[in-house]
Amino acid sequence: MPSLSTVKASNASYASHLLQSASTPVAIFIGGTAGIGEATVKALANYLHGNVHVILVGRTREPGERVLRELVKPSPSPGEKQDIGVIREFIPCDVSLMSSVDKMCLEITKLLESRLKTTAPPKINYIFFSANHSNLWGGHRWTEEGIDKQLAVRYYHRFKTTFKLMPLLRNAKDKGEDARVVSILASGITWWFDEDDFGFKKSSGLGLVLKGVNTNMVAAVYNDLMVESFADHNPGISFTNSMPGMVSTDNALHAFTIPFRAHWILKPLELFFFWIWILIFIKPEDSAQYHLYDLFQADEGREPERSGGEKKGKFYRRSRFGDDLGYRYHRKDQEVLKRRFWEHTTKVTELVE
C-alpha cells in the first residue's frame, strides 16, 4: 500500500509530465459536484495549474457551477496572454435515465467539436465516474424506463456513457495521448447474481426483500465486468474500477447516522459513532489523491491476465489505497459470462454496435 505522501509525489511527477505536453487534456467528471468527485476534479486542476478542460455532469446546476468557479485558473507560460481558453462547463443530467444520458453524451460531443476546433478531431482523455445512489430498504426502486434505480446509477449509465463517448477516447489514443476511464464504486468483491436476470426483475420472496441490498452490492461485480469487457474491445485505452472505501462525505454521514435519528434513546450513541468516524473514515481530499493515482498509473506495470492467461487491453481493480487487486473470476467461464452480460447491457441501454 503506497503511503499518501508517496501517492502525492507520484501524482505531482505525472502531472509535471502532462504539463510539458503541447496539448491540454480533456476531463469529464460524472458526479463531480460533491464528495469524492468534487475533491478529485479540484486536485486534478491543482496539479495541472488549471491547464485542463473540465466538463462536470450532475443533477443540479448550482453546485456544479460553484465547483467550476473554485477550480484553479490556468497559469500562462511566459509571453502568453492571461486569458487562456480552457473549457469550464456544467451539463445537467439525471444519470438514472438512459434518455438523459443520451442527451448528455450528445451535448458533450457537440461542445468539444465547437470548442476544440484547432485540435480536431475532438478528444477526451479522462472520464471519471463517481455519481452514486443507494436505497437498501426503500420502497419504489424502478425508474420510468423500467430499470432498477441503483443499477441505473451505479452501473448502466457508466456503461452507456463510456460506450457513447468511446470515439472521443479513441481520438485521444490515436493522438498518442492518455485515454483512461475510472469508475469509483467498489472493486474486487463478489456477490450472487442470476445470469438469466441481470436486471433483478424476477426477484420474489426473500430475494424481493433483499433486492435493495443485492442490486447495491452486485453493481460492484458489474463494474468489474464492465472495465474488463471494454478493455477487450479497446486496446490502448485503460479502464479502472476503484474502491473508495470509507470516505467522510456528506452522503456517507447521512446514511450512517440514520439509526441515531430513528429514536431518541439511540441519540447518546451518536457521539461514540463520531469518534469511530474520525478514526476510520478518510477525508475526500485524501481519497481524491488515491483516485488520481489510479488514473495516472493506469498504464504502468503489467497488463492484467484473464482467462487462460490471455493478455488483452488494460483494466485494473484498485483498492481504496491504489493497490492493484489483480484478477477475479466471477464465473468459471468468464468469457461466456462477459459476452452474455455485454449483450444484456447493450439491450437495456439501447445501444447498437
Protein backbone atom coordinates (compact mmCIF):
# COMPACT_ATOMS: atom_id res chain seq x y z
CA MET A 1 0.00 0.00 0.00
CA PRO A 2 1.61 3.29 -1.05
CA SER A 3 1.61 6.00 1.58
CA LEU A 4 -0.30 9.23 1.00
CA SER A 5 2.96 11.16 0.64
CA THR A 6 4.20 8.64 -1.97
CA VAL A 7 0.92 8.95 -3.87
CA LYS A 8 1.10 12.75 -3.87
CA ALA A 9 4.70 12.69 -5.10
CA SER A 10 3.76 10.26 -7.88
CA ASN A 11 0.77 12.41 -8.90
CA ALA A 12 2.92 15.54 -8.98
CA SER A 13 5.52 13.79 -11.12
CA TYR A 14 2.97 12.59 -13.65
CA ALA A 15 1.27 15.99 -13.74
CA SER A 16 4.64 17.58 -14.48
CA HIS A 17 4.93 15.25 -17.47
CA LEU A 18 1.47 16.31 -18.69
CA LEU A 19 2.34 20.00 -18.34
CA GLN A 20 5.22 19.54 -20.76
CA SER A 21 2.81 18.43 -23.47
CA ALA A 22 1.61 20.94 -26.07
CA SER A 23 -1.92 19.53 -25.74
CA THR A 24 -4.37 20.40 -22.96
CA PRO A 25 -6.12 17.30 -21.56
CA VAL A 26 -9.91 16.98 -21.53
CA ALA A 27 -11.53 15.53 -18.39
CA ILE A 28 -15.18 14.56 -17.94
CA PHE A 29 -16.46 14.14 -14.37
CA ILE A 30 -19.81 12.40 -13.98
CA GLY A 31 -20.87 13.26 -10.44
CA GLY A 32 -18.24 15.91 -9.77
CA THR A 33 -20.45 18.31 -7.80
CA ALA A 34 -19.75 16.97 -4.29
CA GLY A 35 -17.76 14.43 -2.28
CA ILE A 36 -15.08 12.37 -3.99
CA GLY A 37 -15.85 13.73 -7.46
CA GLU A 38 -15.53 17.36 -6.36
CA ALA A 39 -12.32 16.69 -4.45
CA THR A 40 -10.79 14.82 -7.40
CA VAL A 41 -11.56 17.42 -10.06
CA LYS A 42 -10.10 20.12 -7.80
CA ALA A 43 -6.97 18.05 -7.18
CA LEU A 44 -6.53 17.45 -10.92
CA ALA A 45 -6.87 21.17 -11.67
CA ASN A 46 -4.38 21.99 -8.91
CA TYR A 47 -1.76 19.55 -10.20
CA LEU A 48 -2.14 20.88 -13.76
CA HIS A 49 -2.14 24.53 -12.67
CA GLY A 50 -5.61 24.92 -14.16
CA ASN A 51 -4.45 23.82 -17.62
CA VAL A 52 -7.16 21.21 -18.18
CA HIS A 53 -10.51 21.30 -19.93
CA VAL A 54 -13.20 20.26 -17.43
CA ILE A 55 -16.80 19.24 -18.05
CA LEU A 56 -18.86 18.43 -14.96
CA VAL A 57 -22.06 16.42 -15.14
CA GLY A 58 -24.61 16.36 -12.33
CA ARG A 59 -28.24 16.73 -11.38
CA THR A 60 -28.13 20.30 -10.08
CA ARG A 61 -26.53 23.26 -11.81
CA GLU A 62 -25.74 25.50 -8.81
CA PRO A 63 -23.27 23.17 -7.02
CA GLY A 64 -21.70 22.23 -10.35
CA GLU A 65 -21.08 25.85 -11.32
CA ARG A 66 -19.75 26.56 -7.82
CA VAL A 67 -17.15 23.78 -8.21
CA LEU A 68 -16.13 25.15 -11.62
CA ARG A 69 -15.71 28.67 -10.19
CA GLU A 70 -13.50 27.30 -7.42
CA LEU A 71 -11.12 25.49 -9.77
CA VAL A 72 -7.60 26.87 -10.11
CA LYS A 73 -7.36 29.30 -13.01
CA PRO A 74 -4.93 28.41 -15.83
CA SER A 75 -1.34 29.53 -15.44
CA PRO A 76 0.00 31.11 -18.65
CA SER A 77 3.51 30.49 -19.86
CA PRO A 78 5.86 33.48 -20.17
CA GLY A 79 4.71 35.75 -23.00
CA GLU A 80 1.19 34.30 -23.15
CA LYS A 81 -1.94 36.29 -22.51
CA GLN A 82 -3.63 35.86 -19.14
CA ASP A 83 -6.88 34.66 -20.74
CA ILE A 84 -6.23 31.03 -21.64
CA GLY A 85 -9.25 29.43 -23.26
CA VAL A 86 -9.84 26.29 -21.22
CA ILE A 87 -13.29 24.77 -21.07
CA ARG A 88 -15.22 25.01 -17.81
CA GLU A 89 -18.74 23.70 -18.45
CA PHE A 90 -21.52 22.11 -16.44
CA ILE A 91 -24.05 19.78 -18.10
CA PRO A 92 -27.18 18.81 -16.14
CA CYS A 93 -28.18 15.16 -16.36
CA ASP A 94 -30.26 12.65 -14.44
CA VAL A 95 -27.97 9.66 -14.90
CA SER A 96 -30.67 7.25 -13.73
CA LEU A 97 -32.42 7.83 -17.08
CA MET A 98 -30.76 6.42 -20.18
CA SER A 99 -32.55 9.01 -22.37
CA SER A 100 -30.95 11.77 -20.29
CA VAL A 101 -27.55 10.07 -20.65
CA ASP A 102 -28.05 10.03 -24.43
CA LYS A 103 -28.64 13.80 -24.45
CA MET A 104 -25.67 14.40 -22.15
CA CYS A 105 -23.26 12.46 -24.39
CA LEU A 106 -24.51 14.30 -27.47
CA GLU A 107 -24.09 17.65 -25.71
CA ILE A 108 -20.53 16.79 -24.63
CA THR A 109 -19.62 15.76 -28.18
CA LYS A 110 -21.07 18.92 -29.74
CA LEU A 111 -19.41 21.11 -27.10
CA LEU A 112 -15.98 19.63 -27.75
CA GLU A 113 -16.45 19.80 -31.52
CA SER A 114 -17.23 23.52 -31.29
CA ARG A 115 -14.64 24.49 -28.65
CA LEU A 116 -11.68 22.37 -29.79
CA LYS A 117 -11.69 23.14 -33.50
CA THR A 118 -7.93 23.73 -33.53
CA THR A 119 -7.27 20.21 -32.22
CA ALA A 120 -9.78 18.38 -34.43
CA PRO A 121 -10.94 15.70 -34.19
CA PRO A 122 -12.33 16.30 -30.66
CA LYS A 123 -10.95 14.11 -27.91
CA ILE A 124 -11.49 13.00 -24.33
CA ASN A 125 -8.53 11.96 -22.20
CA TYR A 126 -10.20 11.11 -18.91
CA ILE A 127 -13.69 10.02 -17.84
CA PHE A 128 -14.24 9.80 -14.10
CA PHE A 129 -17.45 8.31 -12.65
CA SER A 130 -18.48 8.95 -9.04
CA ALA A 131 -22.27 9.56 -9.19
CA ASN A 132 -23.99 7.27 -6.72
CA HIS A 133 -27.38 6.24 -5.37
CA SER A 134 -28.17 3.86 -2.52
CA ASN A 135 -31.59 2.65 -1.42
CA LEU A 136 -31.11 -0.56 0.54
CA TRP A 137 -34.50 -0.79 2.21
CA GLY A 138 -36.62 1.87 0.48
CA GLY A 139 -39.83 1.39 -1.45
CA HIS A 140 -40.18 2.06 -5.18
CA ARG A 141 -36.89 1.42 -6.95
CA TRP A 142 -37.74 1.49 -10.65
CA THR A 143 -37.03 4.38 -12.99
CA GLU A 144 -39.67 5.48 -15.51
CA GLU A 145 -37.68 3.48 -18.08
CA GLY A 146 -38.16 0.27 -16.10
CA ILE A 147 -34.60 -0.04 -14.75
CA ASP A 148 -33.67 -0.60 -11.12
CA LYS A 149 -32.53 2.86 -9.99
CA GLN A 150 -29.50 1.64 -8.05
CA LEU A 151 -28.26 -0.33 -11.04
CA ALA A 152 -29.01 2.61 -13.37
CA VAL A 153 -26.80 4.97 -11.35
CA ARG A 154 -24.20 2.51 -10.12
CA TYR A 155 -23.74 0.65 -13.40
CA TYR A 156 -25.87 1.16 -16.54
CA HIS A 157 -25.19 4.89 -17.04
CA ARG A 158 -21.45 4.27 -16.65
CA PHE A 159 -21.51 1.66 -19.40
CA LYS A 160 -23.66 3.76 -21.72
CA THR A 161 -21.59 6.93 -21.24
CA THR A 162 -18.33 5.08 -21.87
CA PHE A 163 -19.77 3.37 -24.94
CA LYS A 164 -21.18 6.59 -26.43
CA LEU A 165 -18.02 8.65 -25.78
CA MET A 166 -15.63 5.90 -26.87
CA PRO A 167 -14.91 7.55 -30.28
CA LEU A 168 -13.52 10.60 -28.44
CA LEU A 169 -11.38 8.42 -26.19
CA ARG A 170 -10.06 6.68 -29.30
CA ASN A 171 -9.23 10.06 -30.81
CA ALA A 172 -7.05 10.83 -27.78
CA LYS A 173 -5.38 7.43 -28.03
CA ASP A 174 -4.71 7.94 -31.75
CA LYS A 175 -3.00 11.25 -30.94
CA GLY A 176 -0.65 9.36 -28.61
CA GLU A 177 -2.28 10.86 -25.51
CA ASP A 178 -3.81 9.38 -22.37
CA ALA A 179 -7.21 7.72 -22.83
CA ARG A 180 -8.46 6.44 -19.49
CA VAL A 181 -11.68 5.68 -17.63
CA VAL A 182 -12.04 5.36 -13.85
CA SER A 183 -15.24 4.16 -12.18
CA ILE A 184 -15.47 4.79 -8.44
CA LEU A 185 -17.73 2.25 -6.81
CA ALA A 186 -16.21 -0.95 -5.45
CA SER A 187 -13.78 -3.49 -6.79
CA GLY A 188 -12.50 -6.97 -6.17
CA ILE A 189 -15.59 -8.23 -4.33
CA THR A 190 -18.01 -10.98 -5.32
CA TRP A 191 -21.79 -11.21 -4.95
CA TRP A 192 -24.55 -13.53 -6.06
CA PHE A 193 -26.45 -12.85 -9.30
CA ASP A 194 -28.64 -14.79 -11.72
CA GLU A 195 -27.33 -14.86 -15.29
CA ASP A 196 -30.93 -15.10 -16.51
CA ASP A 197 -31.92 -11.99 -14.53
CA PHE A 198 -29.03 -9.49 -14.53
CA GLY A 199 -31.52 -6.65 -14.00
CA PHE A 200 -33.12 -8.27 -10.92
CA LYS A 201 -36.62 -8.03 -12.39
CA LYS A 202 -37.68 -11.53 -11.32
CA SER A 203 -36.92 -11.17 -7.60
CA SER A 204 -39.50 -12.74 -5.30
CA GLY A 205 -39.88 -13.82 -1.69
CA LEU A 206 -36.73 -13.18 0.35
CA GLY A 207 -34.98 -12.06 -2.83
CA LEU A 208 -37.52 -9.25 -3.14
CA VAL A 209 -36.98 -8.22 0.48
CA LEU A 210 -33.21 -8.15 -0.07
CA LYS A 211 -33.40 -6.68 -3.57
CA GLY A 212 -32.06 -3.30 -2.47
CA VAL A 213 -29.03 -4.93 -0.84
CA ASN A 214 -28.46 -7.24 -3.80
CA THR A 215 -28.58 -4.54 -6.50
CA ASN A 216 -26.42 -2.26 -4.38
CA MET A 217 -23.70 -4.87 -3.97
CA VAL A 218 -23.86 -6.60 -7.35
CA ALA A 219 -23.16 -3.29 -9.09
CA ALA A 220 -19.56 -3.71 -7.93
CA VAL A 221 -19.33 -7.02 -9.80
CA TYR A 222 -20.96 -5.44 -12.85
CA ASN A 223 -18.34 -2.66 -12.85
CA ASP A 224 -15.60 -5.30 -12.72
CA LEU A 225 -17.09 -6.99 -15.78
CA MET A 226 -17.54 -3.61 -17.48
CA VAL A 227 -13.91 -2.49 -17.24
CA GLU A 228 -12.66 -5.90 -18.38
CA SER A 229 -15.07 -6.03 -21.34
CA PHE A 230 -14.28 -2.50 -22.51
CA ALA A 231 -10.57 -3.31 -22.32
CA ASP A 232 -11.20 -6.37 -24.50
CA HIS A 233 -12.84 -4.20 -27.15
CA ASN A 234 -10.47 -1.22 -26.91
CA PRO A 235 -6.74 -1.98 -26.77
CA GLY A 236 -4.69 1.10 -25.96
CA ILE A 237 -7.34 2.55 -23.63
CA SER A 238 -7.26 1.72 -19.90
CA PHE A 239 -10.22 1.10 -17.61
CA THR A 240 -10.21 1.00 -13.81
CA ASN A 241 -12.78 0.02 -11.19
CA SER A 242 -11.73 1.63 -7.91
CA MET A 243 -12.85 1.04 -4.34
CA PRO A 244 -13.48 4.31 -2.46
CA GLY A 245 -13.65 2.69 0.99
CA MET A 246 -14.84 4.72 3.97
CA VAL A 247 -14.84 8.39 2.92
CA SER A 248 -16.28 11.15 5.09
CA THR A 249 -18.68 12.65 2.55
CA ASP A 250 -21.98 14.31 3.47
CA ASN A 251 -23.91 11.45 1.87
CA ALA A 252 -21.99 8.86 3.88
CA LEU A 253 -22.56 10.78 7.12
CA HIS A 254 -26.28 10.98 6.40
CA ALA A 255 -26.54 7.26 5.63
CA PHE A 256 -24.59 6.09 8.68
CA THR A 257 -26.46 8.34 11.15
CA ILE A 258 -29.96 7.22 10.10
CA PRO A 259 -30.21 4.75 13.05
CA PHE A 260 -29.48 7.53 15.56
CA ARG A 261 -32.38 9.57 14.19
CA ALA A 262 -34.80 6.65 14.49
CA HIS A 263 -35.36 7.04 18.25
CA TRP A 264 -34.21 9.47 20.93
CA ILE A 265 -32.85 6.61 23.07
CA LEU A 266 -30.17 5.97 20.42
CA LYS A 267 -29.05 9.60 20.33
CA PRO A 268 -26.30 9.22 23.01
CA LEU A 269 -24.61 6.59 20.83
CA GLU A 270 -24.12 9.17 18.08
CA LEU A 271 -21.16 10.75 19.89
CA PHE A 272 -19.44 7.34 20.08
CA PHE A 273 -20.06 6.87 16.36
CA PHE A 274 -18.38 10.19 15.55
CA TRP A 275 -15.21 9.01 17.30
CA ILE A 276 -15.25 5.91 15.07
CA TRP A 277 -15.93 8.18 12.08
CA ILE A 278 -12.79 10.21 12.80
CA LEU A 279 -10.62 7.11 13.27
CA ILE A 280 -11.80 5.00 10.29
CA PHE A 281 -13.03 7.35 7.59
CA ILE A 282 -10.67 9.32 5.36
CA LYS A 283 -11.21 12.82 4.03
CA PRO A 284 -12.49 13.28 0.46
CA GLU A 285 -9.32 15.26 -0.33
CA ASP A 286 -7.13 12.28 0.61
CA SER A 287 -9.38 9.85 -1.25
CA ALA A 288 -9.06 12.08 -4.32
CA GLN A 289 -5.27 11.69 -4.24
CA TYR A 290 -5.58 7.91 -4.39
CA HIS A 291 -8.09 8.04 -7.24
CA LEU A 292 -5.85 10.37 -9.23
CA TYR A 293 -3.10 7.85 -8.58
CA ASP A 294 -5.41 5.19 -10.07
CA LEU A 295 -5.92 7.43 -13.10
CA PHE A 296 -2.28 8.40 -13.64
CA GLN A 297 -0.87 4.90 -13.03
CA ALA A 298 -3.31 3.16 -15.38
CA ASP A 299 -0.65 2.38 -17.98
CA GLU A 300 2.11 1.41 -15.56
CA GLY A 301 3.25 -2.12 -14.82
CA ARG A 302 1.79 -5.35 -16.10
CA GLU A 303 -1.27 -5.92 -18.23
CA PRO A 304 -3.64 -8.00 -16.06
CA GLU A 305 -4.09 -11.60 -17.13
CA ARG A 306 -7.53 -13.10 -17.74
CA SER A 307 -8.98 -16.48 -18.63
CA GLY A 308 -6.32 -18.85 -19.98
CA GLY A 309 -3.58 -16.30 -19.29
CA GLU A 310 -4.51 -14.32 -22.40
CA LYS A 311 -3.45 -10.67 -22.40
CA LYS A 312 -5.68 -8.03 -23.98
CA GLY A 313 -6.37 -4.39 -23.17
CA LYS A 314 -5.53 -2.81 -19.84
CA PHE A 315 -8.01 -2.90 -16.97
CA TYR A 316 -7.49 -2.62 -13.24
CA ARG A 317 -9.24 -3.30 -9.97
CA ARG A 318 -7.86 -0.96 -7.34
CA SER A 319 -8.22 -0.83 -3.56
CA ARG A 320 -9.04 2.37 -1.66
CA PHE A 321 -5.28 2.96 -1.36
CA GLY A 322 -4.37 2.35 -5.00
CA ASP A 323 -3.25 -1.29 -4.71
CA ASP A 324 -3.80 -3.49 -7.76
CA LEU A 325 -6.21 -6.21 -6.58
CA GLY A 326 -5.47 -8.48 -9.51
CA TYR A 327 -7.86 -10.66 -11.47
CA ARG A 328 -11.13 -12.07 -10.14
CA TYR A 329 -13.25 -14.79 -11.68
CA HIS A 330 -16.98 -14.20 -11.20
CA ARG A 331 -17.77 -17.40 -13.07
CA LYS A 332 -15.64 -20.37 -14.10
CA ASP A 333 -16.21 -19.48 -17.76
CA GLN A 334 -15.65 -15.73 -17.53
CA GLU A 335 -15.65 -15.21 -21.29
CA VAL A 336 -19.16 -16.62 -21.70
CA LEU A 337 -20.35 -14.54 -18.75
CA LYS A 338 -18.87 -11.36 -20.22
CA ARG A 339 -20.45 -11.99 -23.60
CA ARG A 340 -23.90 -12.60 -22.14
CA PHE A 341 -23.58 -9.60 -19.84
CA TRP A 342 -22.44 -7.31 -22.68
CA GLU A 343 -25.46 -8.38 -24.74
CA HIS A 344 -27.78 -7.74 -21.79
CA THR A 345 -26.35 -4.30 -21.08
CA THR A 346 -26.43 -3.06 -24.67
CA LYS A 347 -30.06 -4.16 -24.88
CA VAL A 348 -31.10 -2.45 -21.64
CA THR A 349 -29.30 0.78 -22.51
CA GLU A 350 -30.49 0.63 -26.13
CA LEU A 351 -27.04 0.67 -27.70
CA VAL A 352 -26.26 -0.56 -31.20
CA GLU A 353 -22.73 -1.69 -32.00
